[in-house]
Amino acid sequence: MPFQKNHKLGAQPLNEEPFDKTPVCFNVRKGVRNKLKAIPDWKERLRTFVDKLIEETGDSCQ
């Protein structure tokens, strides 16, 4: 059975600002992935760190 239009059910965004549709991916050393996933709220903390890293370098990256 298909959903009706304008239904109230479904996933709602958790953040105020939408995320980019293309993810940033990079390789890490062995074991880092599992350790990282064990940290509570690791994705949001990593996003905050990346924002600070970009602020520190300024517009010189463009």
PDB file of N, CA and C in Angstrom:
ATOM      1  N   MET A   1       0.837  -1.165   0.000  1.00  0.00           N
ATOM      2  CA  MET A   1       0.000   0.000   0.000  1.00  0.00           C
ATOM      3  C   MET A   1       0.896   1.248   0.000  1.00  0.00           C
ATOM      4  N   PRO A   2       0.760   2.140  -0.961  1.00  0.00           N
ATOM      5  CA  PRO A   2       1.600   3.340  -1.030  1.00  0.00           C
ATOM      6  C   PRO A   2       1.177   4.374   0.020  1.00  0.00           C
ATOM      7  N   PHE A   3       2.139   5.236   0.380  1.00  0.00           N
ATOM      8  CA  PHE A   3       1.848   6.319   1.316  1.00  0.00           C
ATOM      9  C   PHE A   3       0.944   7.356   0.659  1.00  0.00           C
ATOM     10  N   GLN A   4       0.092   7.953   1.462  1.00  0.00           N
ATOM     11  CA  GLN A   4      -0.725   9.053   0.962  1.00  0.00           C
ATOM     12  C   GLN A   4       0.145  10.302   0.893  1.00  0.00           C
ATOM     13  N   LYS A   5      -0.223  11.229   0.024  1.00  0.00           N
ATOM     14  CA  LYS A   5       0.512  12.481  -0.085  1.00  0.00           C
ATOM     15  C   LYS A   5       0.328  13.296   1.191  1.00  0.00           C
ATOM     16  N   ASN A   6       1.373  14.029   1.569  1.00  0.00           N
ATOM     17  CA  ASN A   6       1.374  14.906   2.744  1.00  0.00           C
ATOM     18  C   ASN A   6       1.128  14.147   4.048  1.00  0.00           C
ATOM     19  N   HIS A   7       1.591  12.893   4.121  1.00  0.00           N
ATOM     20  CA  HIS A   7       1.417  12.119   5.341  1.00  0.00           C
ATOM     21  C   HIS A   7       2.358  12.635   6.429  1.00  0.00           C
ATOM     22  N   LYS A   8       2.054  12.355   7.667  1.00  0.00           N
ATOM     23  CA  LYS A   8       2.838  12.846   8.809  1.00  0.00           C
ATOM     24  C   LYS A   8       3.875  11.836   9.272  1.00  0.00           C
ATOM     25  N   LEU A   9       3.860  10.632   8.735  1.00  0.00           N
ATOM     26  CA  LEU A   9       4.812   9.607   9.130  1.00  0.00           C
ATOM     27  C   LEU A   9       6.079   9.696   8.287  1.00  0.00           C
ATOM     28  N   GLY A  10       7.129   9.105   8.777  1.00  0.00           N
ATOM     29  CA  GLY A  10       8.368   9.048   8.004  1.00  0.00           C
ATOM     30  C   GLY A  10       9.514   9.702   8.746  1.00  0.00           C
ATOM     31  N   ALA A  11      10.664   9.644   8.153  1.00  0.00           N
ATOM     32  CA  ALA A  11      11.876  10.181   8.779  1.00  0.00           C
ATOM     33  C   ALA A  11      11.843  11.702   8.801  1.00  0.00           C
ATOM     34  N   GLN A  12      12.254  12.252   9.908  1.00  0.00           N
ATOM     35  CA  GLN A  12      12.347  13.692  10.070  1.00  0.00           C
ATOM     36  C   GLN A  12      13.814  14.061  10.244  1.00  0.00           C
ATOM     37  N   PRO A  13      14.270  15.193   9.700  1.00  0.00           N
ATOM     38  CA  PRO A  13      15.673  15.581   9.862  1.00  0.00           C
ATOM     39  C   PRO A  13      16.013  15.874  11.321  1.00  0.00           C
ATOM     40  N   LEU A  14      17.213  15.485  11.731  1.00  0.00           N
ATOM     41  CA  LEU A  14      17.662  15.713  13.103  1.00  0.00           C
ATOM     42  C   LEU A  14      18.391  17.041  13.262  1.00  0.00           C
ATOM     43  N   ASN A  15      18.770  17.646  12.164  1.00  0.00           N
ATOM     44  CA  ASN A  15      19.543  18.876  12.220  1.00  0.00           C
ATOM     45  C   ASN A  15      18.782  20.018  11.557  1.00  0.00           C
ATOM     46  N   GLU A  16      19.152  21.233  11.896  1.00  0.00           N
ATOM     47  CA  GLU A  16      18.483  22.401  11.325  1.00  0.00           C
ATOM     48  C   GLU A  16      18.979  22.677   9.912  1.00  0.00           C
ATOM     49  N   GLU A  17      20.269  22.457   9.686  1.00  0.00           N
ATOM     50  CA  GLU A  17      20.865  22.707   8.380  1.00  0.00           C
ATOM     51  C   GLU A  17      21.006  21.377   7.638  1.00  0.00           C
ATOM     52  N   PRO A  18      20.547  21.306   6.396  1.00  0.00           N
ATOM     53  CA  PRO A  18      20.622  20.025   5.679  1.00  0.00           C
ATOM     54  C   PRO A  18      22.060  19.630   5.363  1.00  0.00           C
ATOM     55  N   PHE A  19      22.295  18.330   5.297  1.00  0.00           N
ATOM     56  CA  PHE A  19      23.618  17.816   4.948  1.00  0.00           C
ATOM     57  C   PHE A  19      23.781  17.801   3.440  1.00  0.00           C
ATOM     58  N   ASP A  20      25.032  17.832   3.000  1.00  0.00           N
ATOM     59  CA  ASP A  20      25.358  17.674   1.594  1.00  0.00           C
ATOM     60  C   ASP A  20      24.987  16.254   1.187  1.00  0.00           C
ATOM     61  N   LYS A  21      24.504  16.068  -0.016  1.00  0.00           N
ATOM     62  CA  LYS A  21      24.091  14.739  -0.465  1.00  0.00           C
ATOM     63  C   LYS A  21      25.283  13.841  -0.780  1.00  0.00           C
ATOM     64  N   THR A  22      26.453  14.425  -1.023  1.00  0.00           N
ATOM     65  CA  THR A  22      27.655  13.651  -1.316  1.00  0.00           C
ATOM     66  C   THR A  22      28.497  13.533  -0.049  1.00  0.00           C
ATOM     67  N   PRO A  23      28.745  12.313   0.452  1.00  0.00           N
ATOM     68  CA  PRO A  23      29.531  12.156   1.682  1.00  0.00           C
ATOM     69  C   PRO A  23      31.015  12.379   1.449  1.00  0.00           C
ATOM     70  N   VAL A  24      31.726  12.724   2.511  1.00  0.00           N
ATOM     71  CA  VAL A  24      33.182  12.824   2.490  1.00  0.00           C
ATOM     72  C   VAL A  24      33.709  11.496   3.015  1.00  0.00           C
ATOM     73  N   CYS A  25      34.561  10.844   2.243  1.00  0.00           N
ATOM     74  CA  CYS A  25      35.084   9.533   2.627  1.00  0.00           C
ATOM     75  C   CYS A  25      36.612   9.584   2.663  1.00  0.00           C
ATOM     76  N   PHE A  26      37.192   8.915   3.641  1.00  0.00           N
ATOM     77  CA  PHE A  26      38.642   8.810   3.696  1.00  0.00           C
ATOM     78  C   PHE A  26      39.028   7.532   4.421  1.00  0.00           C
ATOM     79  N   ASN A  27      40.207   7.031   4.114  1.00  0.00           N
ATOM     80  CA  ASN A  27      40.702   5.792   4.712  1.00  0.00           C
ATOM     81  C   ASN A  27      41.358   6.080   6.053  1.00  0.00           C
ATOM     82  N   VAL A  28      41.245   5.134   6.960  1.00  0.00           N
ATOM     83  CA  VAL A  28      41.870   5.231   8.279  1.00  0.00           C
ATOM     84  C   VAL A  28      42.698   3.974   8.522  1.00  0.00           C
ATOM     85  N   ARG A  29      43.540   4.028   9.535  1.00  0.00           N
ATOM     86  CA  ARG A  29      44.362   2.866   9.877  1.00  0.00           C
ATOM     87  C   ARG A  29      43.490   1.736  10.423  1.00  0.00           C
ATOM     88  N   LYS A  30      44.031   0.545  10.401  1.00  0.00           N
ATOM     89  CA  LYS A  30      43.291  -0.625  10.890  1.00  0.00           C
ATOM     90  C   LYS A  30      42.868  -0.422  12.343  1.00  0.00           C
ATOM     91  N   GLY A  31      41.643  -0.779  12.643  1.00  0.00           N
ATOM     92  CA  GLY A  31      41.124  -0.690  14.002  1.00  0.00           C
ATOM     93  C   GLY A  31      40.488   0.638  14.358  1.00  0.00           C
ATOM     94  N   VAL A  32      40.785   1.692  13.600  1.00  0.00           N
ATOM     95  CA  VAL A  32      40.253   3.021  13.928  1.00  0.00           C
ATOM     96  C   VAL A  32      38.745   3.072  13.736  1.00  0.00           C
ATOM     97  N   ARG A  33      38.243   2.430  12.706  1.00  0.00           N
ATOM     98  CA  ARG A  33      36.806   2.464  12.417  1.00  0.00           C
ATOM     99  C   ARG A  33      35.990   1.940  13.593  1.00  0.00           C
ATOM    100  N   ASN A  34      36.355   0.798  14.135  1.00  0.00           N
ATOM    101  CA  ASN A  34      35.608   0.224  15.257  1.00  0.00           C
ATOM    102  C   ASN A  34      35.727   1.073  16.513  1.00  0.00           C
ATOM    103  N   LYS A  35      36.907   1.632  16.763  1.00  0.00           N
ATOM    104  CA  LYS A  35      37.084   2.504  17.929  1.00  0.00           C
ATOM    105  C   LYS A  35      36.254   3.766  17.790  1.00  0.00           C
ATOM    106  N   LEU A  36      36.215   4.320  16.582  1.00  0.00           N
ATOM    107  CA  LEU A  36      35.449   5.533  16.335  1.00  0.00           C
ATOM    108  C   LEU A  36      33.961   5.292  16.532  1.00  0.00           C
ATOM    109  N   LYS A  37      33.456   4.173  16.034  1.00  0.00           N
ATOM    110  CA  LYS A  37      32.037   3.867  16.156  1.00  0.00           C
ATOM    111  C   LYS A  37      31.621   3.613  17.606  1.00  0.00           C
ATOM    112  N   ALA A  38      32.579   3.320  18.483  1.00  0.00           N
ATOM    113  CA  ALA A  38      32.277   3.093  19.894  1.00  0.00           C
ATOM    114  C   ALA A  38      32.112   4.403  20.670  1.00  0.00           C
ATOM    115  N   ILE A  39      32.507   5.523  20.082  1.00  0.00           N
ATOM    116  CA  ILE A  39      32.408   6.824  20.743  1.00  0.00           C
ATOM    117  C   ILE A  39      30.983   7.354  20.581  1.00  0.00           C
ATOM    118  N   PRO A  40      30.336   7.731  21.697  1.00  0.00           N
ATOM    119  CA  PRO A  40      28.978   8.279  21.589  1.00  0.00           C
ATOM    120  C   PRO A  40      28.965   9.578  20.781  1.00  0.00           C
ATOM    121  N   ASP A  41      27.992   9.736  19.913  1.00  0.00           N
ATOM    122  CA  ASP A  41      27.797  10.966  19.132  1.00  0.00           C
ATOM    123  C   ASP A  41      29.029  11.305  18.275  1.00  0.00           C
ATOM    124  N   TRP A  42      29.710  10.267  17.769  1.00  0.00           N
ATOM    125  CA  TRP A  42      30.960  10.490  17.053  1.00  0.00           C
ATOM    126  C   TRP A  42      30.780  11.252  15.748  1.00  0.00           C
ATOM    127  N   LYS A  43      29.672  11.058  15.065  1.00  0.00           N
ATOM    128  CA  LYS A  43      29.477  11.747  13.790  1.00  0.00           C
ATOM    129  C   LYS A  43      29.353  13.255  13.976  1.00  0.00           C
ATOM    130  N   GLU A  44      28.556  13.665  14.948  1.00  0.00           N
ATOM    131  CA  GLU A  44      28.382  15.101  15.177  1.00  0.00           C
ATOM    132  C   GLU A  44      29.673  15.730  15.690  1.00  0.00           C
ATOM    133  N   ARG A  45      30.386  15.009  16.548  1.00  0.00           N
ATOM    134  CA  ARG A  45      31.660  15.523  17.057  1.00  0.00           C
ATOM    135  C   ARG A  45      32.681  15.664  15.936  1.00  0.00           C
ATOM    136  N   LEU A  46      32.690  14.730  14.996  1.00  0.00           N
ATOM    137  CA  LEU A  46      33.604  14.801  13.859  1.00  0.00           C
ATOM    138  C   LEU A  46      33.227  15.959  12.937  1.00  0.00           C
ATOM    139  N   ARG A  47      31.928  16.171  12.729  1.00  0.00           N
ATOM    140  CA  ARG A  47      31.486  17.319  11.916  1.00  0.00           C
ATOM    141  C   ARG A  47      31.938  18.635  12.546  1.00  0.00           C
ATOM    142  N   THR A  48      31.811  18.747  13.864  1.00  0.00           N
ATOM    143  CA  THR A  48      32.248  19.956  14.567  1.00  0.00           C
ATOM    144  C   THR A  48      33.749  20.161  14.415  1.00  0.00           C
ATOM    145  N   PHE A  49      34.513  19.072  14.535  1.00  0.00           N
ATOM    146  CA  PHE A  49      35.964  19.157  14.376  1.00  0.00           C
ATOM    147  C   PHE A  49      36.332  19.618  12.969  1.00  0.00           C
ATOM    148  N   VAL A  50      35.658  19.083  11.962  1.00  0.00           N
ATOM    149  CA  VAL A  50      35.945  19.470  10.580  1.00  0.00           C
ATOM    150  C   VAL A  50      35.616  20.946  10.362  1.00  0.00           C
ATOM    151  N   ASP A  51      34.505  21.423  10.911  1.00  0.00           N
ATOM    152  CA  ASP A  51      34.157  22.842  10.795  1.00  0.00           C
ATOM    153  C   ASP A  51      35.235  23.720  11.411  1.00  0.00           C
ATOM    154  N   LYS A  52      35.741  23.335  12.586  1.00  0.00           N
ATOM    155  CA  LYS A  52      36.804  24.107  13.240  1.00  0.00           C
ATOM    156  C   LYS A  52      38.085  24.067  12.424  1.00  0.00           C
ATOM    157  N   LEU A  53      38.408  22.923  11.858  1.00  0.00           N
ATOM    158  CA  LEU A  53      39.606  22.788  11.034  1.00  0.00           C
ATOM    159  C   LEU A  53      39.525  23.716   9.822  1.00  0.00           C
ATOM    160  N   ILE A  54      38.371  23.795   9.207  1.00  0.00           N
ATOM    161  CA  ILE A  54      38.183  24.683   8.057  1.00  0.00           C
ATOM    162  C   ILE A  54      38.300  26.138   8.476  1.00  0.00           C
ATOM    163  N   GLU A  55      37.723  26.502   9.632  1.00  0.00           N
ATOM    164  CA  GLU A  55      37.824  27.878  10.124  1.00  0.00           C
ATOM    165  C   GLU A  55      39.269  28.271  10.377  1.00  0.00           C
ATOM    166  N   GLU A  56      40.057  27.349  10.949  1.00  0.00           N
ATOM    167  CA  GLU A  56      41.458  27.627  11.262  1.00  0.00           C
ATOM    168  C   GLU A  56      42.283  27.877  10.002  1.00  0.00           C
ATOM    169  N   THR A  57      41.987  27.176   8.931  1.00  0.00           N
ATOM    170  CA  THR A  57      42.763  27.333   7.704  1.00  0.00           C
ATOM    171  C   THR A  57      42.276  28.513   6.882  1.00  0.00           C
ATOM    172  N   GLY A  58      41.084  28.991   7.161  1.00  0.00           N
ATOM    173  CA  GLY A  58      40.544  30.140   6.447  1.00  0.00           C
ATOM    174  C   GLY A  58      40.145  29.793   5.027  1.00  0.00           C
ATOM    175  N   ASP A  59      40.112  30.800   4.183  1.00  0.00           N
ATOM    176  CA  ASP A  59      39.697  30.608   2.802  1.00  0.00           C
ATOM    177  C   ASP A  59      40.849  30.202   1.896  1.00  0.00           C
ATOM    178  N   SER A  60      41.998  29.907   2.438  1.00  0.00           N
ATOM    179  CA  SER A  60      43.157  29.563   1.615  1.00  0.00           C
ATOM    180  C   SER A  60      42.989  28.226   0.910  1.00  0.00           C
ATOM    181  N   CYS A  61      42.009  27.420   1.318  1.00  0.00           N
ATOM    182  CA  CYS A  61      41.798  26.096   0.714  1.00  0.00           C
ATOM    183  C   CYS A  61      41.095  26.200  -0.631  1.00  0.00           C
ATOM    184  N   GLN A  62      40.465  27.297  -0.909  1.00  0.00           N
ATOM    185  CA  GLN A  62      39.673  27.376  -2.148  1.00  0.00           C
ATOM    186  C   GLN A  62      40.501  27.756  -3.325  1.00  0.00           C
TER     187      GLN A  62
END
